[in-house]
């Protein structure tokens, strides 16, 4: 009855055989423990697993993984190198280590599901690794892409240069236009200022004329008012004089009429009181006496 530890080892190796992209069966005869540890460390640093297994367990694992074609090579000291990420990388690393130590030797290769002989090792080790292959593929793709990029960049540069030239031309035109507009604005401003100054001067002159006319009118009015008052007063005085003259005339007429009346009366009285000749003769000595006195 199989022990559980061996069953677990068989299951693990069978799973790795199915999952790996490449499997290198090697003979590590002639390598001491230290050399094997150095090789294992070198492979592990590059994501390659190196495992020493017993051929009986390896055969069971090959049967379980459906790779019975590996069983003829599972004789003698055997170690398996699994390339899970890069199928070419284990061939490169094993060849590099074998150049220094002469070991290990390769028995058979399972490369991407195909069983290959050890003679293919020389061809596999010169193949580009996954990283190198990707770099070459990218380089191959990069060349036309770079051509496209360079073409596009050239077009972009030409477009940028064209846009720059257009922007500069527009800037120059705008500068010239702004300069012309500025000159027109300055000239217009000067004309407006000159017109405003002329207008202000004309208004001041007109205001001065109006003021002078107003002052002249005031003076005329001030002069005319006393004259008019004087004339009015003179007219009144003339009217009063005329009235008084008329009144005086009336009074004179009345006086004359009264005088005439009084004279008439006196004449009448005189006639009535006229002395006779005898009375006159009597009064004459009296008059003479009075004169002598």
Foldseek 3Di string as FASTA:
>chain_A
DDDPVLVVVLQVLLVLVLQFQKKWKKAFPPDDPVLVVVLQVVQVVVVKHKAWDQLVSVCSSCVVNVNNVCNVQSDHGIMMIGHNPKHLVVLQSQVVSCVVVVDIQTAWMQHRNDIGGSVCSVVSNPDDIPVRVVVVVCVVVVVVVVVVVVVVVVVVVVVVVVVVVVVVVVVVVVVVVVVVVVVVVVVVVVVVVVVVVVVVVVVVVVVVVVVVVVVVVVVCCVVVVVVVVVVVVVVVVVVVVVVVVVVVVVVVVVVVVVVVVVVVVVVVVCVVVPDDPVVVVVCVVVVVVVVVD
